[in-house]
Amino acid sequence: MKTKGNCSFCGNEYSGSGITRHLNNHLKAIQLSKGKAYFHLRIQGKYDPIYWLNLLVEQKTSFEELDRFLRKIWLECCGHLSAFEIDGLSRGWGWIDEEEEDEIMYSKLSKYLDEGTTFSHTYDFGTSTELKGKVQGAFVLPTLSKEDGPIKILARNEAPLFVCFACKKEVATEICTACYYEADEPYFCENCMEKHAETCEGEEYFLPLVNSPRTGVCGYDG
């Protein structure tokens, strides 16, 4: 499955693979000789690449702020630990001694990232959700509005549509977590969910399908 998304500049729809290049063209067109330094980041699910974000982030933003943003939009369920990995080195909560941990997690992105740098992010070291990212470009641009804050979404995938596993007709709205690791398509519409619950573990094992790589994991409901 592939997903598409809309450009925040022009509103046109593009494929997930094509929108990054398109956004860079917009950013190059508004680039300044003097202004604020930004990174264009592309972040997607490591094992679920149908979920993706293109972000414009101030280079002085800390890793902790980026972590908090990813938790808010995609990940947070139970306050689990998380970490970034850059050039094979883990940098995050619970991986290293507290003094070094604080120095790294609260460091500016520009200290460790540059154009072309790849990185990964893991949330929850039990039922993990893993993301991968890349710095797609570095730009000097006009200051973002205060409403945007230091991180602005340039594009995000439209929510993928899953067909109900049982009736094959309706769009699924729920995922059966009891069948998550046993069935290829544990997705059900509301009517079929009730029927499936009678032969499975019950409705308490169902979670809503949400637009996130953490859908169906650890009670995450968006």
N, C-alpha and C. Protein backbone atom coordinates (compact mmCIF):
# COMPACT_ATOMS: atom_id res chain seq x y z
N MET A 1 0.84 -1.19 0.00
CA MET A 1 0.00 0.00 0.00
C MET A 1 0.88 1.25 0.00
N LYS A 2 0.45 2.25 -0.78
CA LYS A 2 1.14 3.53 -0.78
C LYS A 2 0.15 4.62 -0.38
N THR A 3 0.65 5.66 0.23
CA THR A 3 -0.22 6.75 0.66
C THR A 3 0.23 8.06 0.03
N LYS A 4 -0.72 8.98 -0.06
CA LYS A 4 -0.45 10.30 -0.62
C LYS A 4 -0.70 11.36 0.46
N GLY A 5 -0.29 12.59 0.15
CA GLY A 5 -0.50 13.69 1.07
C GLY A 5 -0.51 15.00 0.31
N ASN A 6 -0.98 16.05 0.98
CA ASN A 6 -1.09 17.37 0.36
C ASN A 6 0.03 18.29 0.80
N CYS A 7 0.56 19.05 -0.14
CA CYS A 7 1.59 20.04 0.12
C CYS A 7 1.00 21.22 0.87
N SER A 8 1.63 21.65 1.96
CA SER A 8 1.12 22.77 2.75
C SER A 8 1.31 24.11 2.04
N PHE A 9 2.15 24.15 1.03
CA PHE A 9 2.37 25.39 0.28
C PHE A 9 1.30 25.61 -0.79
N CYS A 10 1.09 24.61 -1.63
CA CYS A 10 0.19 24.78 -2.78
C CYS A 10 -1.09 23.97 -2.67
N GLY A 11 -1.15 23.03 -1.74
CA GLY A 11 -2.36 22.24 -1.54
C GLY A 11 -2.50 21.06 -2.48
N ASN A 12 -1.59 20.90 -3.43
CA ASN A 12 -1.69 19.79 -4.37
C ASN A 12 -1.31 18.47 -3.72
N GLU A 13 -1.87 17.41 -4.25
CA GLU A 13 -1.63 16.07 -3.70
C GLU A 13 -0.46 15.40 -4.43
N TYR A 14 0.38 14.74 -3.64
CA TYR A 14 1.54 14.03 -4.20
C TYR A 14 1.71 12.69 -3.50
N SER A 15 2.43 11.81 -4.15
CA SER A 15 2.76 10.53 -3.53
C SER A 15 3.77 10.77 -2.41
N GLY A 16 3.87 9.80 -1.52
CA GLY A 16 4.82 9.93 -0.43
C GLY A 16 6.25 10.06 -0.91
N SER A 17 6.58 9.41 -2.02
CA SER A 17 7.95 9.48 -2.54
C SER A 17 8.22 10.77 -3.29
N GLY A 18 7.19 11.37 -3.88
CA GLY A 18 7.39 12.56 -4.69
C GLY A 18 7.27 13.87 -3.94
N ILE A 19 6.61 13.83 -2.79
CA ILE A 19 6.33 15.10 -2.12
C ILE A 19 7.57 15.72 -1.48
N THR A 20 8.54 14.92 -1.12
CA THR A 20 9.76 15.46 -0.50
C THR A 20 10.50 16.36 -1.48
N ARG A 21 10.67 15.89 -2.68
CA ARG A 21 11.34 16.69 -3.72
C ARG A 21 10.53 17.94 -4.03
N HIS A 22 9.23 17.80 -4.10
CA HIS A 22 8.35 18.93 -4.38
C HIS A 22 8.47 20.00 -3.28
N LEU A 23 8.48 19.58 -2.03
CA LEU A 23 8.60 20.52 -0.92
C LEU A 23 9.94 21.24 -0.93
N ASN A 24 10.98 20.52 -1.28
CA ASN A 24 12.31 21.16 -1.36
C ASN A 24 12.32 22.28 -2.42
N ASN A 25 11.59 22.09 -3.50
CA ASN A 25 11.51 23.14 -4.52
C ASN A 25 10.84 24.39 -3.96
N HIS A 26 9.79 24.20 -3.17
CA HIS A 26 9.13 25.34 -2.53
C HIS A 26 10.08 26.05 -1.57
N LEU A 27 10.81 25.27 -0.78
CA LEU A 27 11.70 25.84 0.22
C LEU A 27 12.86 26.60 -0.44
N LYS A 28 13.36 26.07 -1.53
CA LYS A 28 14.43 26.77 -2.26
C LYS A 28 13.94 28.10 -2.80
N ALA A 29 12.67 28.15 -3.18
CA ALA A 29 12.11 29.36 -3.78
C ALA A 29 11.97 30.49 -2.77
N ILE A 30 11.85 30.17 -1.48
CA ILE A 30 11.66 31.22 -0.47
C ILE A 30 12.91 31.39 0.40
N GLN A 31 13.99 30.73 0.02
CA GLN A 31 15.21 30.80 0.81
C GLN A 31 15.78 32.23 0.80
N LEU A 32 16.35 32.62 1.95
CA LEU A 32 16.90 33.96 2.13
C LEU A 32 18.41 33.89 2.35
N SER A 33 19.07 35.02 2.22
CA SER A 33 20.49 35.09 2.56
C SER A 33 20.67 35.24 4.06
N LYS A 34 19.67 35.85 4.72
CA LYS A 34 19.68 35.99 6.17
C LYS A 34 18.31 35.63 6.71
N GLY A 35 18.29 34.92 7.81
CA GLY A 35 17.03 34.51 8.41
C GLY A 35 17.28 33.41 9.42
N LYS A 36 16.27 32.58 9.68
CA LYS A 36 16.43 31.47 10.61
C LYS A 36 16.82 30.20 9.88
N ALA A 37 17.62 29.38 10.55
CA ALA A 37 18.08 28.13 9.96
C ALA A 37 17.10 27.01 10.28
N TYR A 38 16.71 26.28 9.24
CA TYR A 38 15.75 25.19 9.39
C TYR A 38 16.29 23.91 8.74
N PHE A 39 15.78 22.78 9.24
CA PHE A 39 15.98 21.50 8.59
C PHE A 39 14.64 21.04 8.01
N HIS A 40 14.70 20.44 6.84
CA HIS A 40 13.55 19.72 6.29
C HIS A 40 13.76 18.25 6.62
N LEU A 41 12.93 17.71 7.50
CA LEU A 41 13.05 16.33 7.93
C LEU A 41 11.95 15.47 7.32
N ARG A 42 12.32 14.30 6.89
CA ARG A 42 11.36 13.29 6.44
C ARG A 42 11.42 12.15 7.46
N ILE A 43 10.28 11.86 8.10
CA ILE A 43 10.22 10.82 9.12
C ILE A 43 9.08 9.87 8.77
N GLN A 44 9.35 8.58 8.85
CA GLN A 44 8.32 7.60 8.52
C GLN A 44 8.48 6.35 9.38
N GLY A 45 7.43 5.54 9.40
CA GLY A 45 7.52 4.29 10.14
C GLY A 45 8.58 3.39 9.53
N LYS A 46 9.44 2.84 10.37
CA LYS A 46 10.52 1.98 9.87
C LYS A 46 9.96 0.74 9.19
N TYR A 47 8.91 0.15 9.79
CA TYR A 47 8.30 -1.05 9.23
C TYR A 47 6.93 -0.76 8.62
N ASP A 48 6.42 0.46 8.80
CA ASP A 48 5.14 0.88 8.22
C ASP A 48 5.35 2.20 7.49
N PRO A 49 6.05 2.19 6.36
CA PRO A 49 6.38 3.44 5.65
C PRO A 49 5.18 4.14 5.05
N ILE A 50 3.98 3.54 5.13
CA ILE A 50 2.78 4.24 4.65
C ILE A 50 2.45 5.42 5.56
N TYR A 51 3.03 5.44 6.76
CA TYR A 51 2.85 6.57 7.67
C TYR A 51 4.10 7.45 7.59
N TRP A 52 3.93 8.71 7.22
CA TRP A 52 5.10 9.58 7.06
C TRP A 52 4.75 11.03 7.37
N LEU A 53 5.79 11.77 7.71
CA LEU A 53 5.70 13.20 8.00
C LEU A 53 6.85 13.91 7.31
N ASN A 54 6.57 15.06 6.73
CA ASN A 54 7.61 15.98 6.29
C ASN A 54 7.51 17.21 7.18
N LEU A 55 8.60 17.51 7.88
CA LEU A 55 8.59 18.56 8.89
C LEU A 55 9.62 19.63 8.57
N LEU A 56 9.28 20.86 8.87
CA LEU A 56 10.23 21.96 8.85
C LEU A 56 10.53 22.30 10.30
N VAL A 57 11.80 22.15 10.70
CA VAL A 57 12.17 22.27 12.10
C VAL A 57 13.32 23.26 12.26
N GLU A 58 13.18 24.18 13.19
CA GLU A 58 14.28 25.09 13.48
C GLU A 58 15.50 24.29 13.92
N GLN A 59 16.66 24.65 13.40
CA GLN A 59 17.87 23.89 13.72
C GLN A 59 18.25 24.00 15.20
N LYS A 60 17.79 25.05 15.86
CA LYS A 60 18.10 25.20 17.28
C LYS A 60 17.14 24.40 18.18
N THR A 61 16.16 23.74 17.56
CA THR A 61 15.25 22.88 18.31
C THR A 61 16.03 21.74 18.95
N SER A 62 15.65 21.34 20.15
CA SER A 62 16.34 20.25 20.84
C SER A 62 15.75 18.89 20.43
N PHE A 63 16.53 17.85 20.65
CA PHE A 63 16.03 16.50 20.40
C PHE A 63 14.84 16.20 21.32
N GLU A 64 14.87 16.73 22.50
CA GLU A 64 13.76 16.52 23.43
C GLU A 64 12.47 17.13 22.89
N GLU A 65 12.56 18.31 22.25
CA GLU A 65 11.37 18.94 21.66
C GLU A 65 10.85 18.12 20.49
N LEU A 66 11.75 17.59 19.66
CA LEU A 66 11.33 16.76 18.54
C LEU A 66 10.70 15.47 19.07
N ASP A 67 11.29 14.89 20.09
CA ASP A 67 10.74 13.69 20.72
C ASP A 67 9.32 13.96 21.24
N ARG A 68 9.14 15.10 21.89
CA ARG A 68 7.84 15.47 22.43
C ARG A 68 6.81 15.65 21.32
N PHE A 69 7.24 16.24 20.20
CA PHE A 69 6.34 16.43 19.06
C PHE A 69 5.90 15.08 18.49
N LEU A 70 6.85 14.17 18.30
CA LEU A 70 6.53 12.85 17.76
C LEU A 70 5.60 12.07 18.69
N ARG A 71 5.83 12.22 19.99
CA ARG A 71 4.94 11.58 20.96
C ARG A 71 3.51 12.12 20.81
N LYS A 72 3.40 13.43 20.70
CA LYS A 72 2.07 14.06 20.66
C LYS A 72 1.30 13.68 19.40
N ILE A 73 1.96 13.67 18.26
CA ILE A 73 1.24 13.45 17.01
C ILE A 73 1.11 11.98 16.64
N TRP A 74 1.99 11.12 17.15
CA TRP A 74 2.04 9.76 16.65
C TRP A 74 2.14 8.66 17.71
N LEU A 75 2.66 8.92 18.90
CA LEU A 75 3.19 7.83 19.71
C LEU A 75 2.68 7.68 21.13
N GLU A 76 2.47 8.76 21.83
CA GLU A 76 2.31 8.70 23.29
C GLU A 76 1.10 7.87 23.72
N CYS A 77 1.37 6.89 24.58
CA CYS A 77 0.27 6.13 25.17
C CYS A 77 0.44 5.98 26.68
N CYS A 78 1.63 5.62 27.13
CA CYS A 78 1.81 5.31 28.55
C CYS A 78 3.09 5.89 29.14
N GLY A 79 3.65 6.91 28.51
CA GLY A 79 4.86 7.52 29.05
C GLY A 79 6.10 6.66 28.97
N HIS A 80 6.22 5.86 27.91
CA HIS A 80 7.37 4.98 27.76
C HIS A 80 8.65 5.77 27.49
N LEU A 81 9.79 5.11 27.66
CA LEU A 81 11.08 5.70 27.31
C LEU A 81 11.23 5.76 25.79
N SER A 82 12.15 6.59 25.34
CA SER A 82 12.41 6.71 23.91
C SER A 82 13.86 7.08 23.69
N ALA A 83 14.32 6.94 22.45
CA ALA A 83 15.71 7.29 22.14
C ALA A 83 15.86 7.58 20.65
N PHE A 84 16.78 8.45 20.33
CA PHE A 84 17.22 8.67 18.96
C PHE A 84 18.50 7.90 18.74
N GLU A 85 18.70 7.45 17.51
CA GLU A 85 19.97 6.83 17.14
C GLU A 85 20.49 7.57 15.91
N ILE A 86 21.69 8.11 16.01
CA ILE A 86 22.29 8.89 14.93
C ILE A 86 23.67 8.32 14.65
N ASP A 87 23.91 7.95 13.41
CA ASP A 87 25.21 7.36 13.03
C ASP A 87 25.56 6.17 13.93
N GLY A 88 24.55 5.39 14.27
CA GLY A 88 24.78 4.17 15.05
C GLY A 88 24.93 4.39 16.53
N LEU A 89 24.82 5.62 17.01
CA LEU A 89 24.96 5.91 18.43
C LEU A 89 23.61 6.26 19.02
N SER A 90 23.23 5.59 20.11
CA SER A 90 21.95 5.85 20.75
C SER A 90 22.06 7.07 21.64
N ARG A 91 21.05 7.93 21.55
CA ARG A 91 21.04 9.15 22.34
C ARG A 91 19.62 9.34 22.86
N GLY A 92 19.38 9.01 24.12
CA GLY A 92 18.02 9.20 24.61
C GLY A 92 17.82 8.74 26.03
N TRP A 93 16.59 8.79 26.46
CA TRP A 93 16.26 8.45 27.84
C TRP A 93 16.56 6.99 28.14
N GLY A 94 17.25 6.77 29.25
CA GLY A 94 17.45 5.41 29.73
C GLY A 94 18.60 4.64 29.11
N TRP A 95 19.33 5.26 28.18
CA TRP A 95 20.40 4.54 27.52
C TRP A 95 21.77 4.82 28.13
N ILE A 96 21.94 6.00 28.68
CA ILE A 96 23.25 6.41 29.15
C ILE A 96 23.11 7.09 30.50
N ASP A 97 24.22 7.42 31.12
CA ASP A 97 24.12 8.01 32.45
C ASP A 97 23.39 9.35 32.38
N GLU A 98 22.81 9.73 33.51
CA GLU A 98 21.90 10.87 33.52
C GLU A 98 22.55 12.16 33.06
N GLU A 99 23.78 12.42 33.44
CA GLU A 99 24.44 13.66 33.08
C GLU A 99 24.61 13.76 31.56
N GLU A 100 25.11 12.69 30.94
CA GLU A 100 25.31 12.71 29.48
C GLU A 100 23.96 12.69 28.76
N GLU A 101 23.00 11.96 29.34
CA GLU A 101 21.66 11.89 28.76
C GLU A 101 21.05 13.28 28.61
N ASP A 102 21.12 14.07 29.66
CA ASP A 102 20.56 15.41 29.62
C ASP A 102 21.29 16.28 28.59
N GLU A 103 22.62 16.15 28.54
CA GLU A 103 23.40 16.97 27.61
C GLU A 103 23.01 16.68 26.17
N ILE A 104 22.78 15.40 25.85
CA ILE A 104 22.47 15.02 24.48
C ILE A 104 21.01 15.30 24.13
N MET A 105 20.08 14.86 24.97
CA MET A 105 18.67 15.00 24.62
C MET A 105 18.25 16.46 24.56
N TYR A 106 18.92 17.31 25.32
CA TYR A 106 18.58 18.72 25.30
C TYR A 106 19.48 19.53 24.36
N SER A 107 20.31 18.83 23.60
CA SER A 107 21.15 19.51 22.61
C SER A 107 20.33 19.94 21.41
N LYS A 108 20.83 20.96 20.70
CA LYS A 108 20.18 21.39 19.47
C LYS A 108 20.37 20.34 18.38
N LEU A 109 19.41 20.24 17.50
CA LEU A 109 19.52 19.30 16.37
C LEU A 109 20.78 19.57 15.56
N SER A 110 21.13 20.84 15.42
CA SER A 110 22.27 21.21 14.58
C SER A 110 23.59 20.67 15.11
N LYS A 111 23.61 20.26 16.38
CA LYS A 111 24.86 19.73 16.93
C LYS A 111 25.18 18.35 16.35
N TYR A 112 24.15 17.59 15.98
CA TYR A 112 24.37 16.23 15.51
C TYR A 112 23.85 15.98 14.09
N LEU A 113 22.98 16.86 13.58
CA LEU A 113 22.40 16.65 12.26
C LEU A 113 22.95 17.62 11.24
N ASP A 114 22.94 17.20 10.01
CA ASP A 114 23.32 18.04 8.88
C ASP A 114 22.57 17.50 7.66
N GLU A 115 22.64 18.21 6.56
CA GLU A 115 21.95 17.76 5.36
C GLU A 115 22.43 16.37 4.97
N GLY A 116 21.48 15.45 4.79
CA GLY A 116 21.81 14.07 4.43
C GLY A 116 21.94 13.12 5.59
N THR A 117 22.00 13.62 6.83
CA THR A 117 22.13 12.75 8.00
C THR A 117 20.89 11.89 8.15
N THR A 118 21.09 10.62 8.44
CA THR A 118 19.98 9.72 8.73
C THR A 118 19.94 9.44 10.23
N PHE A 119 18.75 9.15 10.72
CA PHE A 119 18.59 8.86 12.14
C PHE A 119 17.38 7.97 12.34
N SER A 120 17.27 7.41 13.53
CA SER A 120 16.09 6.61 13.86
C SER A 120 15.60 7.03 15.24
N HIS A 121 14.36 6.69 15.53
CA HIS A 121 13.74 7.02 16.81
C HIS A 121 12.94 5.81 17.26
N THR A 122 13.11 5.41 18.50
CA THR A 122 12.36 4.30 19.08
C THR A 122 11.57 4.80 20.27
N TYR A 123 10.28 4.49 20.27
CA TYR A 123 9.42 4.80 21.41
C TYR A 123 8.96 3.48 22.01
N ASP A 124 9.23 3.28 23.29
CA ASP A 124 8.80 2.08 24.03
C ASP A 124 9.71 0.91 23.68
N PHE A 125 10.46 0.44 24.64
CA PHE A 125 11.40 -0.66 24.41
C PHE A 125 10.82 -2.02 24.77
N GLY A 126 9.48 -2.06 24.96
CA GLY A 126 8.78 -3.33 25.13
C GLY A 126 8.03 -3.65 23.85
N THR A 127 6.96 -2.90 23.62
CA THR A 127 6.22 -2.99 22.36
C THR A 127 6.60 -1.76 21.54
N SER A 128 7.74 -1.85 20.89
CA SER A 128 8.38 -0.68 20.29
C SER A 128 7.68 -0.21 19.02
N THR A 129 7.69 1.10 18.83
CA THR A 129 7.38 1.71 17.54
C THR A 129 8.65 2.40 17.07
N GLU A 130 9.15 1.97 15.91
CA GLU A 130 10.41 2.48 15.40
C GLU A 130 10.19 3.36 14.17
N LEU A 131 10.85 4.49 14.17
CA LEU A 131 10.77 5.43 13.06
C LEU A 131 12.15 5.61 12.44
N LYS A 132 12.18 6.00 11.19
CA LYS A 132 13.46 6.36 10.57
C LYS A 132 13.30 7.73 9.93
N GLY A 133 14.38 8.50 9.92
CA GLY A 133 14.31 9.85 9.39
C GLY A 133 15.56 10.23 8.64
N LYS A 134 15.43 11.30 7.87
CA LYS A 134 16.58 11.82 7.12
C LYS A 134 16.42 13.33 6.98
N VAL A 135 17.55 14.03 7.08
CA VAL A 135 17.56 15.47 6.83
C VAL A 135 17.58 15.67 5.31
N GLN A 136 16.45 16.13 4.77
CA GLN A 136 16.32 16.27 3.32
C GLN A 136 16.89 17.58 2.79
N GLY A 137 17.12 18.52 3.69
CA GLY A 137 17.67 19.80 3.26
C GLY A 137 17.87 20.73 4.44
N ALA A 138 18.75 21.69 4.28
CA ALA A 138 18.99 22.74 5.28
C ALA A 138 18.75 24.08 4.58
N PHE A 139 17.95 24.93 5.22
CA PHE A 139 17.52 26.16 4.56
C PHE A 139 17.56 27.34 5.53
N VAL A 140 17.78 28.52 4.99
CA VAL A 140 17.62 29.77 5.73
C VAL A 140 16.34 30.41 5.20
N LEU A 141 15.36 30.60 6.09
CA LEU A 141 14.02 30.96 5.66
C LEU A 141 13.43 32.06 6.53
N PRO A 142 12.32 32.65 6.08
CA PRO A 142 11.60 33.58 6.95
C PRO A 142 11.15 32.87 8.22
N THR A 143 11.03 33.59 9.32
CA THR A 143 10.63 33.00 10.59
C THR A 143 9.21 32.45 10.52
N LEU A 144 9.02 31.26 11.08
CA LEU A 144 7.68 30.69 11.16
C LEU A 144 6.82 31.54 12.07
N SER A 145 5.52 31.47 11.89
CA SER A 145 4.62 32.20 12.78
C SER A 145 4.66 31.59 14.17
N LYS A 146 4.29 32.38 15.18
CA LYS A 146 4.29 31.90 16.55
C LYS A 146 3.32 30.73 16.72
N GLU A 147 2.25 30.72 15.89
CA GLU A 147 1.28 29.63 15.98
C GLU A 147 1.90 28.30 15.57
N ASP A 148 2.86 28.34 14.65
CA ASP A 148 3.51 27.11 14.20
C ASP A 148 4.48 26.56 15.24
N GLY A 149 5.13 27.44 16.01
CA GLY A 149 6.16 26.98 16.92
C GLY A 149 7.41 26.60 16.16
N PRO A 150 8.34 25.89 16.80
CA PRO A 150 9.61 25.55 16.13
C PRO A 150 9.50 24.41 15.13
N ILE A 151 8.35 23.73 15.09
CA ILE A 151 8.16 22.58 14.20
C ILE A 151 6.87 22.77 13.42
N LYS A 152 6.97 22.71 12.10
CA LYS A 152 5.79 22.87 11.24
C LYS A 152 5.64 21.64 10.36
N ILE A 153 4.41 21.13 10.24
CA ILE A 153 4.14 20.02 9.34
C ILE A 153 4.01 20.55 7.92
N LEU A 154 4.91 20.11 7.05
CA LEU A 154 4.84 20.48 5.63
C LEU A 154 3.89 19.57 4.87
N ALA A 155 3.85 18.31 5.25
CA ALA A 155 2.96 17.34 4.62
C ALA A 155 2.85 16.12 5.53
N ARG A 156 1.70 15.46 5.44
CA ARG A 156 1.47 14.25 6.22
C ARG A 156 0.63 13.30 5.38
N ASN A 157 0.90 12.01 5.50
CA ASN A 157 0.12 11.06 4.73
C ASN A 157 -1.36 11.11 5.10
N GLU A 158 -2.20 10.95 4.09
CA GLU A 158 -3.62 10.78 4.36
C GLU A 158 -3.82 9.42 5.03
N ALA A 159 -4.81 9.34 5.89
CA ALA A 159 -5.05 8.08 6.60
C ALA A 159 -5.31 6.95 5.62
N PRO A 160 -4.56 5.86 5.73
CA PRO A 160 -4.78 4.73 4.82
C PRO A 160 -6.13 4.08 5.08
N LEU A 161 -6.74 3.54 4.03
CA LEU A 161 -8.04 2.88 4.15
C LEU A 161 -7.84 1.37 4.08
N PHE A 162 -8.31 0.68 5.09
CA PHE A 162 -8.21 -0.77 5.14
C PHE A 162 -9.61 -1.36 4.95
N VAL A 163 -9.70 -2.39 4.12
CA VAL A 163 -10.97 -3.08 3.90
C VAL A 163 -11.23 -4.06 5.03
N CYS A 164 -12.47 -4.14 5.48
CA CYS A 164 -12.84 -5.07 6.55
C CYS A 164 -12.48 -6.49 6.15
N PHE A 165 -11.79 -7.19 7.04
CA PHE A 165 -11.33 -8.55 6.76
C PHE A 165 -12.50 -9.52 6.62
N ALA A 166 -13.61 -9.25 7.31
CA ALA A 166 -14.73 -10.18 7.31
C ALA A 166 -15.65 -10.00 6.12
N CYS A 167 -16.18 -8.79 5.92
CA CYS A 167 -17.18 -8.59 4.86
C CYS A 167 -16.58 -8.18 3.52
N LYS A 168 -15.33 -7.71 3.55
CA LYS A 168 -14.63 -7.29 2.32
C LYS A 168 -15.31 -6.12 1.61
N LYS A 169 -16.23 -5.45 2.29
CA LYS A 169 -16.99 -4.37 1.67
C LYS A 169 -16.75 -3.03 2.35
N GLU A 170 -16.91 -3.00 3.64
CA GLU A 170 -16.85 -1.75 4.38
C GLU A 170 -15.40 -1.36 4.70
N VAL A 171 -15.20 -0.08 4.91
CA VAL A 171 -13.90 0.40 5.36
C VAL A 171 -13.74 0.07 6.84
N ALA A 172 -12.61 -0.54 7.19
CA ALA A 172 -12.39 -0.94 8.58
C ALA A 172 -12.14 0.28 9.46
N THR A 173 -12.63 0.20 10.68
CA THR A 173 -12.43 1.27 11.66
C THR A 173 -11.75 0.78 12.92
N GLU A 174 -11.65 -0.54 13.07
CA GLU A 174 -11.10 -1.13 14.30
C GLU A 174 -10.04 -2.16 13.95
N ILE A 175 -9.14 -2.38 14.89
CA ILE A 175 -8.12 -3.41 14.75
C ILE A 175 -8.19 -4.34 15.95
N CYS A 176 -8.18 -5.64 15.68
CA CYS A 176 -8.22 -6.64 16.76
C CYS A 176 -6.79 -6.91 17.21
N THR A 177 -6.44 -6.46 18.40
CA THR A 177 -5.07 -6.64 18.88
C THR A 177 -4.78 -8.08 19.28
N ALA A 178 -5.83 -8.86 19.55
CA ALA A 178 -5.63 -10.27 19.86
C ALA A 178 -5.17 -11.04 18.63
N CYS A 179 -5.55 -10.55 17.45
CA CYS A 179 -5.18 -11.20 16.19
C CYS A 179 -4.05 -10.47 15.48
N TYR A 180 -3.54 -9.42 16.09
CA TYR A 180 -2.59 -8.53 15.42
C TYR A 180 -1.37 -9.27 14.90
N TYR A 181 -0.83 -10.20 15.67
CA TYR A 181 0.40 -10.89 15.29
C TYR A 181 0.12 -12.24 14.63
N GLU A 182 -1.16 -12.61 14.51
CA GLU A 182 -1.49 -13.90 13.94
C GLU A 182 -2.17 -13.79 12.57
N ALA A 183 -2.83 -12.67 12.32
CA ALA A 183 -3.55 -12.48 11.05
C ALA A 183 -2.90 -11.36 10.24
N ASP A 184 -2.93 -11.50 8.92
CA ASP A 184 -2.36 -10.47 8.06
C ASP A 184 -3.23 -9.22 8.03
N GLU A 185 -4.54 -9.41 8.20
CA GLU A 185 -5.46 -8.28 8.10
C GLU A 185 -6.46 -8.31 9.26
N PRO A 186 -6.02 -7.93 10.45
CA PRO A 186 -6.92 -8.00 11.62
C PRO A 186 -7.79 -6.74 11.74
N TYR A 187 -8.37 -6.30 10.59
CA TYR A 187 -9.11 -5.04 10.55
C TYR A 187 -10.59 -5.33 10.31
N PHE A 188 -11.46 -4.60 11.02
CA PHE A 188 -12.88 -4.87 10.95
C PHE A 188 -13.69 -3.59 10.95
N CYS A 189 -14.83 -3.61 10.23
CA CYS A 189 -15.78 -2.51 10.34
C CYS A 189 -16.55 -2.70 11.64
N GLU A 190 -17.35 -1.72 11.99
CA GLU A 190 -18.02 -1.76 13.30
C GLU A 190 -18.95 -2.96 13.43
N ASN A 191 -19.71 -3.28 12.39
CA ASN A 191 -20.64 -4.41 12.47
C ASN A 191 -19.90 -5.74 12.59
N CYS A 192 -18.88 -5.92 11.78
CA CYS A 192 -18.14 -7.18 11.81
C CYS A 192 -17.29 -7.31 13.07
N MET A 193 -16.91 -6.19 13.66
CA MET A 193 -16.16 -6.23 14.91
C MET A 193 -16.95 -6.95 15.99
N GLU A 194 -18.22 -6.63 16.09
CA GLU A 194 -19.06 -7.25 17.12
C GLU A 194 -19.17 -8.76 16.91
N LYS A 195 -19.31 -9.18 15.66
CA LYS A 195 -19.39 -10.62 15.38
C LYS A 195 -18.06 -11.30 15.67
N HIS A 196 -16.96 -10.66 15.28
CA HIS A 196 -15.64 -11.24 15.51
C HIS A 196 -15.34 -11.34 17.01
N ALA A 197 -15.79 -10.38 17.77
CA ALA A 197 -15.53 -10.37 19.21
C ALA A 197 -16.14 -11.59 19.90
N GLU A 198 -17.22 -12.10 19.34
CA GLU A 198 -17.88 -13.27 19.94
C GLU A 198 -17.03 -14.52 19.82
N THR A 199 -16.20 -14.61 18.80
CA THR A 199 -15.37 -15.80 18.58
C THR A 199 -13.91 -15.56 18.93
N CYS A 200 -13.58 -14.33 19.30
CA CYS A 200 -12.20 -14.00 19.64
C CYS A 200 -12.10 -13.73 21.14
N GLU A 201 -11.35 -12.74 21.54
CA GLU A 201 -11.10 -12.47 22.95
C GLU A 201 -12.05 -11.44 23.55
N GLY A 202 -12.92 -10.87 22.74
CA GLY A 202 -13.85 -9.87 23.26
C GLY A 202 -13.51 -8.47 22.78
N GLU A 203 -14.48 -7.55 22.93
CA GLU A 203 -14.32 -6.20 22.42
C GLU A 203 -13.22 -5.41 23.10
N GLU A 204 -12.83 -5.82 24.30
CA GLU A 204 -11.77 -5.08 25.01
C GLU A 204 -10.43 -5.18 24.29
N TYR A 205 -10.32 -6.11 23.33
CA TYR A 205 -9.07 -6.25 22.59
C TYR A 205 -9.07 -5.45 21.28
N PHE A 206 -10.12 -4.68 21.07
CA PHE A 206 -10.18 -3.86 19.86
C PHE A 206 -9.71 -2.44 20.15
N LEU A 207 -9.00 -1.88 19.18
CA LEU A 207 -8.56 -0.49 19.25
C LEU A 207 -8.96 0.19 17.94
N PRO A 208 -9.18 1.52 17.97
CA PRO A 208 -9.51 2.22 16.73
C PRO A 208 -8.31 2.29 15.80
N LEU A 209 -8.56 2.17 14.51
CA LEU A 209 -7.52 2.37 13.52
C LEU A 209 -7.25 3.87 13.42
N VAL A 210 -6.02 4.27 13.65
CA VAL A 210 -5.66 5.68 13.62
C VAL A 210 -4.50 5.90 12.65
N ASN A 211 -4.30 7.14 12.28
CA ASN A 211 -3.28 7.48 11.29
C ASN A 211 -1.92 7.63 11.97
N SER A 212 -1.36 6.50 12.35
CA SER A 212 -0.09 6.49 13.09
C SER A 212 0.57 5.12 12.96
N PRO A 213 1.90 5.07 12.92
CA PRO A 213 2.58 3.77 12.89
C PRO A 213 2.43 2.99 14.19
N ARG A 214 1.83 3.61 15.21
CA ARG A 214 1.61 2.90 16.48
C ARG A 214 0.18 2.36 16.57
N THR A 215 -0.58 2.44 15.52
CA THR A 215 -1.94 1.93 15.55
C THR A 215 -1.96 0.45 15.93
N GLY A 216 -2.83 0.10 16.87
CA GLY A 216 -2.98 -1.28 17.30
C GLY A 216 -1.98 -1.74 18.34
N VAL A 217 -1.14 -0.83 18.85
CA VAL A 217 -0.08 -1.22 19.77
C VAL A 217 -0.31 -0.62 21.17
N CYS A 218 -0.24 -1.45 22.18
CA CYS A 218 -0.18 -1.01 23.58
C CYS A 218 -1.27 -0.02 23.97
N GLY A 219 -2.49 -0.24 23.52
CA GLY A 219 -3.58 0.63 23.91
C GLY A 219 -3.60 1.98 23.24
N TYR A 220 -2.75 2.22 22.23
CA TYR A 220 -2.70 3.52 21.59
C TYR A 220 -3.98 3.75 20.78
N ASP A 221 -4.63 4.88 21.05
CA ASP A 221 -5.90 5.18 20.37
C ASP A 221 -5.87 6.54 19.68
N GLY A 222 -4.65 7.11 19.50
CA GLY A 222 -4.53 8.37 18.80
C GLY A 222 -4.67 9.57 19.69
